Amino acid sequence: MDLENSIYDYLHEGWEIVPKENKQIQYKGGQQKGMYIGQGMSYADFVSKASERLDINSNGYTFHYTLEFDPSALQQLDDDEDMHMILSHSHDYARIYVLNGLEE
């Protein structure tokens, strides 16, 4: 992978997301892993790689993200356009929250 055209991605899976007083999002419990995502990575490839990294089956999970310039805005990640948003609006890193769809 070309790391020059990639960003680091914090993967947070399990338990819960709790809003903090300063409107940022705090992740509580579960597991956290990291991975690189590169320019042009498709949503399907991302889900496959993230699921492998977290050792989960992606069925029943939803993916959400925040951007560096507004960490309080949790947005749904569900297609290639969202992947482009993450890569074009994040300079160094992104945060992806993987939630069990049954617990939302």
PDB file of N, CA and C in Angstrom:
ATOM      1  N   MET A   1       0.840  -1.178   0.000  1.00  0.00           N
ATOM      2  CA  MET A   1       0.000   0.000   0.000  1.00  0.00           C
ATOM      3  C   MET A   1       0.884   1.240   0.000  1.00  0.00           C
ATOM      4  N   ASP A   2       0.477   2.235  -0.756  1.00  0.00           N
ATOM      5  CA  ASP A   2       1.191   3.502  -0.839  1.00  0.00           C
ATOM      6  C   ASP A   2       0.823   4.357   0.373  1.00  0.00           C
ATOM      7  N   LEU A   3       1.691   4.394   1.369  1.00  0.00           N
ATOM      8  CA  LEU A   3       1.392   5.125   2.605  1.00  0.00           C
ATOM      9  C   LEU A   3       1.341   6.630   2.391  1.00  0.00           C
ATOM     10  N   GLU A   4       1.954   7.133   1.327  1.00  0.00           N
ATOM     11  CA  GLU A   4       1.902   8.566   1.015  1.00  0.00           C
ATOM     12  C   GLU A   4       0.467   9.006   0.727  1.00  0.00           C
ATOM     13  N   ASN A   5      -0.339   8.125   0.153  1.00  0.00           N
ATOM     14  CA  ASN A   5      -1.718   8.440  -0.209  1.00  0.00           C
ATOM     15  C   ASN A   5      -2.709   7.696   0.675  1.00  0.00           C
ATOM     16  N   SER A   6      -2.326   7.479   1.918  1.00  0.00           N
ATOM     17  CA  SER A   6      -3.165   6.749   2.865  1.00  0.00           C
ATOM     18  C   SER A   6      -3.310   7.555   4.147  1.00  0.00           C
ATOM     19  N   ILE A   7      -4.325   7.231   4.902  1.00  0.00           N
ATOM     20  CA  ILE A   7      -4.467   7.803   6.240  1.00  0.00           C
ATOM     21  C   ILE A   7      -4.641   6.656   7.231  1.00  0.00           C
ATOM     22  N   TYR A   8      -4.281   6.937   8.463  1.00  0.00           N
ATOM     23  CA  TYR A   8      -4.439   5.948   9.529  1.00  0.00           C
ATOM     24  C   TYR A   8      -5.882   5.994   9.996  1.00  0.00           C
ATOM     25  N   ASP A   9      -6.439   4.853  10.254  1.00  0.00           N
ATOM     26  CA  ASP A   9      -7.837   4.732  10.642  1.00  0.00           C
ATOM     27  C   ASP A   9      -7.920   4.034  11.989  1.00  0.00           C
ATOM     28  N   TYR A  10      -8.508   4.714  12.969  1.00  0.00           N
ATOM     29  CA  TYR A  10      -8.796   4.098  14.264  1.00  0.00           C
ATOM     30  C   TYR A  10     -10.134   3.385  14.139  1.00  0.00           C
ATOM     31  N   LEU A  11     -10.155   2.090  14.369  1.00  0.00           N
ATOM     32  CA  LEU A  11     -11.391   1.310  14.357  1.00  0.00           C
ATOM     33  C   LEU A  11     -11.839   1.087  15.797  1.00  0.00           C
ATOM     34  N   HIS A  12     -13.065   1.459  16.109  1.00  0.00           N
ATOM     35  CA  HIS A  12     -13.638   1.252  17.438  1.00  0.00           C
ATOM     36  C   HIS A  12     -14.842   0.333  17.270  1.00  0.00           C
ATOM     37  N   GLU A  13     -14.855  -0.791  17.969  1.00  0.00           N
ATOM     38  CA  GLU A  13     -15.950  -1.754  17.814  1.00  0.00           C
ATOM     39  C   GLU A  13     -16.438  -2.228  19.171  1.00  0.00           C
ATOM     40  N   GLY A  14     -17.761  -2.322  19.287  1.00  0.00           N
ATOM     41  CA  GLY A  14     -18.370  -2.872  20.493  1.00  0.00           C
ATOM     42  C   GLY A  14     -18.849  -1.807  21.460  1.00  0.00           C
ATOM     43  N   TRP A  15     -19.418  -2.239  22.482  1.00  0.00           N
ATOM     44  CA  TRP A  15     -19.953  -1.439  23.581  1.00  0.00           C
ATOM     45  C   TRP A  15     -20.696  -0.208  23.131  1.00  0.00           C
ATOM     46  N   GLU A  16     -20.227   0.999  23.443  1.00  0.00           N
ATOM     47  CA  GLU A  16     -21.072   2.156  23.162  1.00  0.00           C
ATOM     48  C   GLU A  16     -20.279   3.421  22.863  1.00  0.00           C
ATOM     49  N   ILE A  17     -20.980   4.353  22.230  1.00  0.00           N
ATOM     50  CA  ILE A  17     -20.456   5.689  21.973  1.00  0.00           C
ATOM     51  C   ILE A  17     -21.219   6.640  22.885  1.00  0.00           C
ATOM     52  N   VAL A  18     -20.482   7.473  23.609  1.00  0.00           N
ATOM     53  CA  VAL A  18     -21.088   8.382  24.576  1.00  0.00           C
ATOM     54  C   VAL A  18     -20.687   9.810  24.226  1.00  0.00           C
ATOM     55  N   PRO A  19     -21.663  10.731  24.049  1.00  0.00           N
ATOM     56  CA  PRO A  19     -21.289  12.122  23.792  1.00  0.00           C
ATOM     57  C   PRO A  19     -20.686  12.746  25.049  1.00  0.00           C
ATOM     58  N   LYS A  20     -19.597  13.486  24.878  1.00  0.00           N
ATOM     59  CA  LYS A  20     -18.964  14.182  25.990  1.00  0.00           C
ATOM     60  C   LYS A  20     -19.572  15.578  26.108  1.00  0.00           C
ATOM     61  N   GLU A  21     -19.301  16.256  27.223  1.00  0.00           N
ATOM     62  CA  GLU A  21     -19.849  17.594  27.441  1.00  0.00           C
ATOM     63  C   GLU A  21     -19.423  18.585  26.369  1.00  0.00           C
ATOM     64  N   ASN A  22     -18.222  18.434  25.836  1.00  0.00           N
ATOM     65  CA  ASN A  22     -17.736  19.360  24.814  1.00  0.00           C
ATOM     66  C   ASN A  22     -18.216  18.970  23.410  1.00  0.00           C
ATOM     67  N   LYS A  23     -19.214  18.116  23.333  1.00  0.00           N
ATOM     68  CA  LYS A  23     -19.864  17.653  22.102  1.00  0.00           C
ATOM     69  C   LYS A  23     -19.011  16.706  21.270  1.00  0.00           C
ATOM     70  N   GLN A  24     -17.841  16.340  21.764  1.00  0.00           N
ATOM     71  CA  GLN A  24     -17.067  15.332  21.064  1.00  0.00           C
ATOM     72  C   GLN A  24     -17.607  13.959  21.437  1.00  0.00           C
ATOM     73  N   ILE A  25     -17.156  12.956  20.718  1.00  0.00           N
ATOM     74  CA  ILE A  25     -17.640  11.597  20.931  1.00  0.00           C
ATOM     75  C   ILE A  25     -16.590  10.805  21.688  1.00  0.00           C
ATOM     76  N   GLN A  26     -17.034  10.121  22.722  1.00  0.00           N
ATOM     77  CA  GLN A  26     -16.140   9.256  23.492  1.00  0.00           C
ATOM     78  C   GLN A  26     -16.577   7.817  23.277  1.00  0.00           C
ATOM     79  N   TYR A  27     -15.614   6.959  23.049  1.00  0.00           N
ATOM     80  CA  TYR A  27     -15.879   5.545  22.838  1.00  0.00           C
ATOM     81  C   TYR A  27     -15.620   4.817  24.146  1.00  0.00           C
ATOM     82  N   LYS A  28     -16.551   3.958  24.561  1.00  0.00           N
ATOM     83  CA  LYS A  28     -16.417   3.226  25.824  1.00  0.00           C
ATOM     84  C   LYS A  28     -16.480   1.731  25.583  1.00  0.00           C
ATOM     85  N   GLY A  29     -15.465   1.031  26.043  1.00  0.00           N
ATOM     86  CA  GLY A  29     -15.473  -0.429  25.992  1.00  0.00           C
ATOM     87  C   GLY A  29     -15.117  -0.995  24.635  1.00  0.00           C
ATOM     88  N   GLY A  30     -15.343  -2.288  24.483  1.00  0.00           N
ATOM     89  CA  GLY A  30     -15.091  -2.958  23.214  1.00  0.00           C
ATOM     90  C   GLY A  30     -13.621  -3.047  22.859  1.00  0.00           C
ATOM     91  N   GLN A  31     -13.344  -3.090  21.573  1.00  0.00           N
ATOM     92  CA  GLN A  31     -11.958  -3.204  21.112  1.00  0.00           C
ATOM     93  C   GLN A  31     -11.610  -2.055  20.172  1.00  0.00           C
ATOM     94  N   GLN A  32     -10.338  -1.754  20.101  1.00  0.00           N
ATOM     95  CA  GLN A  32      -9.833  -0.727  19.200  1.00  0.00           C
ATOM     96  C   GLN A  32      -8.653  -1.303  18.428  1.00  0.00           C
ATOM     97  N   LYS A  33      -8.665  -1.088  17.139  1.00  0.00           N
ATOM     98  CA  LYS A  33      -7.585  -1.540  16.257  1.00  0.00           C
ATOM     99  C   LYS A  33      -7.263  -0.401  15.303  1.00  0.00           C
ATOM    100  N   GLY A  34      -6.165  -0.537  14.612  1.00  0.00           N
ATOM    101  CA  GLY A  34      -5.791   0.451  13.613  1.00  0.00           C
ATOM    102  C   GLY A  34      -5.536  -0.204  12.276  1.00  0.00           C
ATOM    103  N   MET A  35      -5.706   0.577  11.216  1.00  0.00           N
ATOM    104  CA  MET A  35      -5.396   0.111   9.869  1.00  0.00           C
ATOM    105  C   MET A  35      -5.228   1.328   8.970  1.00  0.00           C
ATOM    106  N   TYR A  36      -4.585   1.134   7.851  1.00  0.00           N
ATOM    107  CA  TYR A  36      -4.464   2.196   6.863  1.00  0.00           C
ATOM    108  C   TYR A  36      -5.545   2.035   5.810  1.00  0.00           C
ATOM    109  N   ILE A  37      -6.095   3.175   5.369  1.00  0.00           N
ATOM    110  CA  ILE A  37      -7.002   3.164   4.229  1.00  0.00           C
ATOM    111  C   ILE A  37      -6.397   4.077   3.165  1.00  0.00           C
ATOM    112  N   GLY A  38      -6.432   3.624   1.939  1.00  0.00           N
ATOM    113  CA  GLY A  38      -5.771   4.350   0.862  1.00  0.00           C
ATOM    114  C   GLY A  38      -6.743   4.979  -0.112  1.00  0.00           C
ATOM    115  N   GLN A  39      -6.246   5.988  -0.834  1.00  0.00           N
ATOM    116  CA  GLN A  39      -7.037   6.636  -1.876  1.00  0.00           C
ATOM    117  C   GLN A  39      -7.597   5.582  -2.818  1.00  0.00           C
ATOM    118  N   GLY A  40      -8.868   5.709  -3.137  1.00  0.00           N
ATOM    119  CA  GLY A  40      -9.495   4.793  -4.076  1.00  0.00           C
ATOM    120  C   GLY A  40     -10.016   3.506  -3.469  1.00  0.00           C
ATOM    121  N   MET A  41      -9.820   3.303  -2.153  1.00  0.00           N
ATOM    122  CA  MET A  41     -10.343   2.081  -1.529  1.00  0.00           C
ATOM    123  C   MET A  41     -11.871   2.121  -1.574  1.00  0.00           C
ATOM    124  N   SER A  42     -12.470   1.048  -2.036  1.00  0.00           N
ATOM    125  CA  SER A  42     -13.931   0.990  -2.107  1.00  0.00           C
ATOM    126  C   SER A  42     -14.515   0.691  -0.728  1.00  0.00           C
ATOM    127  N   TYR A  43     -15.787   0.984  -0.589  1.00  0.00           N
ATOM    128  CA  TYR A  43     -16.491   0.684   0.657  1.00  0.00           C
ATOM    129  C   TYR A  43     -16.457  -0.820   0.928  1.00  0.00           C
ATOM    130  N   ALA A  44     -16.707  -1.620  -0.106  1.00  0.00           N
ATOM    131  CA  ALA A  44     -16.711  -3.085   0.062  1.00  0.00           C
ATOM    132  C   ALA A  44     -15.345  -3.586   0.531  1.00  0.00           C
ATOM    133  N   ASP A  45     -14.271  -3.056  -0.058  1.00  0.00           N
ATOM    134  CA  ASP A  45     -12.921  -3.454   0.368  1.00  0.00           C
ATOM    135  C   ASP A  45     -12.644  -3.016   1.799  1.00  0.00           C
ATOM    136  N   PHE A  46     -13.107  -1.805   2.145  1.00  0.00           N
ATOM    137  CA  PHE A  46     -12.915  -1.315   3.510  1.00  0.00           C
ATOM    138  C   PHE A  46     -13.615  -2.221   4.517  1.00  0.00           C
ATOM    139  N   VAL A  47     -14.888  -2.540   4.259  1.00  0.00           N
ATOM    140  CA  VAL A  47     -15.655  -3.383   5.185  1.00  0.00           C
ATOM    141  C   VAL A  47     -14.984  -4.738   5.342  1.00  0.00           C
ATOM    142  N   SER A  48     -14.529  -5.306   4.248  1.00  0.00           N
ATOM    143  CA  SER A  48     -13.855  -6.601   4.301  1.00  0.00           C
ATOM    144  C   SER A  48     -12.580  -6.525   5.144  1.00  0.00           C
ATOM    145  N   LYS A  49     -11.758  -5.519   4.889  1.00  0.00           N
ATOM    146  CA  LYS A  49     -10.491  -5.376   5.616  1.00  0.00           C
ATOM    147  C   LYS A  49     -10.728  -5.052   7.093  1.00  0.00           C
ATOM    148  N   ALA A  50     -11.680  -4.150   7.379  1.00  0.00           N
ATOM    149  CA  ALA A  50     -11.974  -3.781   8.768  1.00  0.00           C
ATOM    150  C   ALA A  50     -12.535  -4.975   9.533  1.00  0.00           C
ATOM    151  N   SER A  51     -13.415  -5.736   8.905  1.00  0.00           N
ATOM    152  CA  SER A  51     -13.998  -6.915   9.554  1.00  0.00           C
ATOM    153  C   SER A  51     -12.929  -7.951   9.860  1.00  0.00           C
ATOM    154  N   GLU A  52     -12.008  -8.125   8.923  1.00  0.00           N
ATOM    155  CA  GLU A  52     -10.900  -9.058   9.147  1.00  0.00           C
ATOM    156  C   GLU A  52     -10.017  -8.563  10.293  1.00  0.00           C
ATOM    157  N   ARG A  53      -9.727  -7.271  10.289  1.00  0.00           N
ATOM    158  CA  ARG A  53      -8.859  -6.689  11.323  1.00  0.00           C
ATOM    159  C   ARG A  53      -9.491  -6.821  12.709  1.00  0.00           C
ATOM    160  N   LEU A  54     -10.820  -6.647  12.784  1.00  0.00           N
ATOM    161  CA  LEU A  54     -11.529  -6.725  14.062  1.00  0.00           C
ATOM    162  C   LEU A  54     -11.976  -8.148  14.399  1.00  0.00           C
ATOM    163  N   ASP A  55     -11.812  -9.064  13.467  1.00  0.00           N
ATOM    164  CA  ASP A  55     -12.237 -10.451  13.630  1.00  0.00           C
ATOM    165  C   ASP A  55     -13.737 -10.538  13.913  1.00  0.00           C
ATOM    166  N   ILE A  56     -14.521  -9.860  13.053  1.00  0.00           N
ATOM    167  CA  ILE A  56     -15.981  -9.885  13.154  1.00  0.00           C
ATOM    168  C   ILE A  56     -16.569 -10.253  11.795  1.00  0.00           C
ATOM    169  N   ASN A  57     -17.823 -10.677  11.808  1.00  0.00           N
ATOM    170  CA  ASN A  57     -18.599 -10.850  10.595  1.00  0.00           C
ATOM    171  C   ASN A  57     -19.380  -9.551  10.436  1.00  0.00           C
ATOM    172  N   SER A  58     -19.262  -8.874   9.310  1.00  0.00           N
ATOM    173  CA  SER A  58     -19.856  -7.546   9.151  1.00  0.00           C
ATOM    174  C   SER A  58     -21.383  -7.546   9.128  1.00  0.00           C
ATOM    175  N   ASN A  59     -22.017  -8.705   8.966  1.00  0.00           N
ATOM    176  CA  ASN A  59     -23.484  -8.764   8.972  1.00  0.00           C
ATOM    177  C   ASN A  59     -24.021  -8.262  10.304  1.00  0.00           C
ATOM    178  N   GLY A  60     -24.982  -7.354  10.245  1.00  0.00           N
ATOM    179  CA  GLY A  60     -25.585  -6.823  11.461  1.00  0.00           C
ATOM    180  C   GLY A  60     -24.846  -5.634  12.048  1.00  0.00           C
ATOM    181  N   TYR A  61     -23.730  -5.240  11.448  1.00  0.00           N
ATOM    182  CA  TYR A  61     -22.971  -4.087  11.928  1.00  0.00           C
ATOM    183  C   TYR A  61     -23.182  -2.892  11.008  1.00  0.00           C
ATOM    184  N   THR A  62     -23.135  -1.706  11.587  1.00  0.00           N
ATOM    185  CA  THR A  62     -23.135  -0.480  10.798  1.00  0.00           C
ATOM    186  C   THR A  62     -21.835   0.257  11.078  1.00  0.00           C
ATOM    187  N   PHE A  63     -21.392   1.014  10.102  1.00  0.00           N
ATOM    188  CA  PHE A  63     -20.141   1.753  10.202  1.00  0.00           C
ATOM    189  C   PHE A  63     -20.451   3.246  10.197  1.00  0.00           C
ATOM    190  N   HIS A  64     -19.779   3.968  11.075  1.00  0.00           N
ATOM    191  CA  HIS A  64     -19.958   5.414  11.193  1.00  0.00           C
ATOM    192  C   HIS A  64     -18.579   6.048  11.285  1.00  0.00           C
ATOM    193  N   TYR A  65     -18.500   7.344  10.999  1.00  0.00           N
ATOM    194  CA  TYR A  65     -17.209   8.018  11.055  1.00  0.00           C
ATOM    195  C   TYR A  65     -17.361   9.453  11.527  1.00  0.00           C
ATOM    196  N   THR A  66     -16.260  10.013  11.982  1.00  0.00           N
ATOM    197  CA  THR A  66     -16.171  11.444  12.266  1.00  0.00           C
ATOM    198  C   THR A  66     -14.987  11.987  11.479  1.00  0.00           C
ATOM    199  N   LEU A  67     -15.025  13.275  11.212  1.00  0.00           N
ATOM    200  CA  LEU A  67     -13.931  13.940  10.514  1.00  0.00           C
ATOM    201  C   LEU A  67     -13.163  14.817  11.490  1.00  0.00           C
ATOM    202  N   GLU A  68     -11.901  15.067  11.172  1.00  0.00           N
ATOM    203  CA  GLU A  68     -11.032  15.829  12.068  1.00  0.00           C
ATOM    204  C   GLU A  68     -11.599  17.201  12.402  1.00  0.00           C
ATOM    205  N   PHE A  69     -12.207  17.881  11.418  1.00  0.00           N
ATOM    206  CA  PHE A  69     -12.660  19.249  11.654  1.00  0.00           C
ATOM    207  C   PHE A  69     -13.957  19.333  12.457  1.00  0.00           C
ATOM    208  N   ASP A  70     -14.673  18.216  12.634  1.00  0.00           N
ATOM    209  CA  ASP A  70     -15.873  18.217  13.471  1.00  0.00           C
ATOM    210  C   ASP A  70     -16.072  16.837  14.096  1.00  0.00           C
ATOM    211  N   PRO A  71     -15.323  16.547  15.161  1.00  0.00           N
ATOM    212  CA  PRO A  71     -15.415  15.220  15.777  1.00  0.00           C
ATOM    213  C   PRO A  71     -16.736  14.961  16.500  1.00  0.00           C
ATOM    214  N   SER A  72     -17.635  15.959  16.546  1.00  0.00           N
ATOM    215  CA  SER A  72     -18.923  15.742  17.201  1.00  0.00           C
ATOM    216  C   SER A  72     -19.980  15.226  16.228  1.00  0.00           C
ATOM    217  N   ALA A  73     -19.712  15.288  14.936  1.00  0.00           N
ATOM    218  CA  ALA A  73     -20.699  14.886  13.929  1.00  0.00           C
ATOM    219  C   ALA A  73     -20.458  13.442  13.499  1.00  0.00           C
ATOM    220  N   LEU A  74     -21.231  12.540  14.059  1.00  0.00           N
ATOM    221  CA  LEU A  74     -21.142  11.121  13.713  1.00  0.00           C
ATOM    222  C   LEU A  74     -21.957  10.892  12.440  1.00  0.00           C
ATOM    223  N   GLN A  75     -21.298  10.385  11.407  1.00  0.00           N
ATOM    224  CA  GLN A  75     -21.955  10.205  10.117  1.00  0.00           C
ATOM    225  C   GLN A  75     -21.934   8.735   9.716  1.00  0.00           C
ATOM    226  N   GLN A  76     -22.993   8.312   9.037  1.00  0.00           N
ATOM    227  CA  GLN A  76     -23.071   6.922   8.580  1.00  0.00           C
ATOM    228  C   GLN A  76     -22.106   6.700   7.426  1.00  0.00           C
ATOM    229  N   LEU A  77     -21.405   5.590   7.463  1.00  0.00           N
ATOM    230  CA  LEU A  77     -20.486   5.179   6.397  1.00  0.00           C
ATOM    231  C   LEU A  77     -21.118   3.987   5.703  1.00  0.00           C
ATOM    232  N   ASP A  78     -21.602   4.203   4.456  1.00  0.00           N
ATOM    233  CA  ASP A  78     -22.259   3.077   3.807  1.00  0.00           C
ATOM    234  C   ASP A  78     -22.080   2.998   2.295  1.00  0.00           C
ATOM    235  N   ASP A  79     -21.139   3.779   1.733  1.00  0.00           N
ATOM    236  CA  ASP A  79     -20.903   3.649   0.298  1.00  0.00           C
ATOM    237  C   ASP A  79     -19.559   4.252  -0.100  1.00  0.00           C
ATOM    238  N   ASP A  80     -19.242   4.155  -1.382  1.00  0.00           N
ATOM    239  CA  ASP A  80     -17.958   4.654  -1.889  1.00  0.00           C
ATOM    240  C   ASP A  80     -17.825   6.166  -1.730  1.00  0.00           C
ATOM    241  N   GLU A  81     -18.932   6.883  -1.843  1.00  0.00           N
ATOM    242  CA  GLU A  81     -18.877   8.344  -1.670  1.00  0.00           C
ATOM    243  C   GLU A  81     -18.440   8.703  -0.250  1.00  0.00           C
ATOM    244  N   ASP A  82     -18.935   7.974   0.739  1.00  0.00           N
ATOM    245  CA  ASP A  82     -18.512   8.214   2.125  1.00  0.00           C
ATOM    246  C   ASP A  82     -17.024   7.923   2.297  1.00  0.00           C
ATOM    247  N   MET A  83     -16.531   6.885   1.638  1.00  0.00           N
ATOM    248  CA  MET A  83     -15.097   6.588   1.693  1.00  0.00           C
ATOM    249  C   MET A  83     -14.298   7.758   1.130  1.00  0.00           C
ATOM    250  N   HIS A  84     -14.774   8.320   0.024  1.00  0.00           N
ATOM    251  CA  HIS A  84     -14.104   9.477  -0.574  1.00  0.00           C
ATOM    252  C   HIS A  84     -14.120  10.663   0.393  1.00  0.00           C
ATOM    253  N   MET A  85     -15.244  10.874   1.080  1.00  0.00           N
ATOM    254  CA  MET A  85     -15.339  11.968   2.064  1.00  0.00           C
ATOM    255  C   MET A  85     -14.280  11.808   3.151  1.00  0.00           C
ATOM    256  N   ILE A  86     -14.171  10.607   3.681  1.00  0.00           N
ATOM    257  CA  ILE A  86     -13.189  10.353   4.741  1.00  0.00           C
ATOM    258  C   ILE A  86     -11.781  10.662   4.242  1.00  0.00           C
ATOM    259  N   LEU A  87     -11.448  10.159   3.077  1.00  0.00           N
ATOM    260  CA  LEU A  87     -10.093  10.314   2.555  1.00  0.00           C
ATOM    261  C   LEU A  87      -9.791  11.746   2.122  1.00  0.00           C
ATOM    262  N   SER A  88     -10.785  12.472   1.644  1.00  0.00           N
ATOM    263  CA  SER A  88     -10.516  13.829   1.169  1.00  0.00           C
ATOM    264  C   SER A  88     -10.599  14.876   2.277  1.00  0.00           C
ATOM    265  N   HIS A  89     -11.239  14.562   3.397  1.00  0.00           N
ATOM    266  CA  HIS A  89     -11.394  15.543   4.474  1.00  0.00           C
ATOM    267  C   HIS A  89     -10.641  15.176   5.745  1.00  0.00           C
ATOM    268  N   SER A  90      -9.806  14.180   5.685  1.00  0.00           N
ATOM    269  CA  SER A  90      -8.983  13.790   6.831  1.00  0.00           C
ATOM    270  C   SER A  90      -7.522  13.900   6.414  1.00  0.00           C
ATOM    271  N   HIS A  91      -6.749  14.626   7.191  1.00  0.00           N
ATOM    272  CA  HIS A  91      -5.349  14.828   6.823  1.00  0.00           C
ATOM    273  C   HIS A  91      -4.455  13.695   7.311  1.00  0.00           C
ATOM    274  N   ASP A  92      -4.578  13.328   8.559  1.00  0.00           N
ATOM    275  CA  ASP A  92      -3.675  12.338   9.139  1.00  0.00           C
ATOM    276  C   ASP A  92      -4.374  11.053   9.572  1.00  0.00           C
ATOM    277  N   TYR A  93      -5.608  11.168  10.006  1.00  0.00           N
ATOM    278  CA  TYR A  93      -6.291   9.999  10.559  1.00  0.00           C
ATOM    279  C   TYR A  93      -7.799  10.154  10.433  1.00  0.00           C
ATOM    280  N   ALA A  94      -8.500   9.054  10.646  1.00  0.00           N
ATOM    281  CA  ALA A  94      -9.960   9.038  10.707  1.00  0.00           C
ATOM    282  C   ALA A  94     -10.366   8.120  11.846  1.00  0.00           C
ATOM    283  N   ARG A  95     -11.550   8.340  12.352  1.00  0.00           N
ATOM    284  CA  ARG A  95     -12.119   7.460  13.374  1.00  0.00           C
ATOM    285  C   ARG A  95     -13.365   6.811  12.795  1.00  0.00           C
ATOM    286  N   ILE A  96     -13.377   5.482  12.836  1.00  0.00           N
ATOM    287  CA  ILE A  96     -14.508   4.703  12.343  1.00  0.00           C
ATOM    288  C   ILE A  96     -15.086   3.938  13.525  1.00  0.00           C
ATOM    289  N   TYR A  97     -16.390   4.040  13.694  1.00  0.00           N
ATOM    290  CA  TYR A  97     -17.089   3.367  14.786  1.00  0.00           C
ATOM    291  C   TYR A  97     -17.926   2.246  14.183  1.00  0.00           C
ATOM    292  N   VAL A  98     -17.715   1.045  14.665  1.00  0.00           N
ATOM    293  CA  VAL A  98     -18.392  -0.146  14.156  1.00  0.00           C
ATOM    294  C   VAL A  98     -19.389  -0.580  15.222  1.00  0.00           C
ATOM    295  N   LEU A  99     -20.673  -0.420  14.901  1.00  0.00           N
ATOM    296  CA  LEU A  99     -21.725  -0.673  15.884  1.00  0.00           C
ATOM    297  C   LEU A  99     -22.573  -1.859  15.470  1.00  0.00           C
ATOM    298  N   ASN A 100     -22.963  -2.642  16.457  1.00  0.00           N
ATOM    299  CA  ASN A 100     -23.875  -3.742  16.209  1.00  0.00           C
ATOM    300  C   ASN A 100     -25.229  -3.128  15.921  1.00  0.00           C
ATOM    301  N   GLY A 101     -25.762  -3.370  14.724  1.00  0.00           N
ATOM    302  CA  GLY A 101     -27.020  -2.771  14.300  1.00  0.00           C
ATOM    303  C   GLY A 101     -28.180  -3.088  15.214  1.00  0.00           C
ATOM    304  N   LEU A 102     -28.099  -4.183  15.946  1.00  0.00           N
ATOM    305  CA  LEU A 102     -29.181  -4.565  16.849  1.00  0.00           C
ATOM    306  C   LEU A 102     -29.173  -3.751  18.132  1.00  0.00           C
ATOM    307  N   GLU A 103     -28.043  -3.078  18.416  1.00  0.00           N
ATOM    308  CA  GLU A 103     -27.927  -2.350  19.676  1.00  0.00           C
ATOM    309  C   GLU A 103     -28.034  -0.851  19.516  1.00  0.00           C
ATOM    310  N   GLU A 104     -28.209  -0.346  18.284  1.00  0.00           N
ATOM    311  CA  GLU A 104     -28.246   1.098  18.078  1.00  0.00           C
ATOM    312  C   GLU A 104     -29.488   1.712  18.658  1.00  0.00           C
TER     313      GLU A 104
END
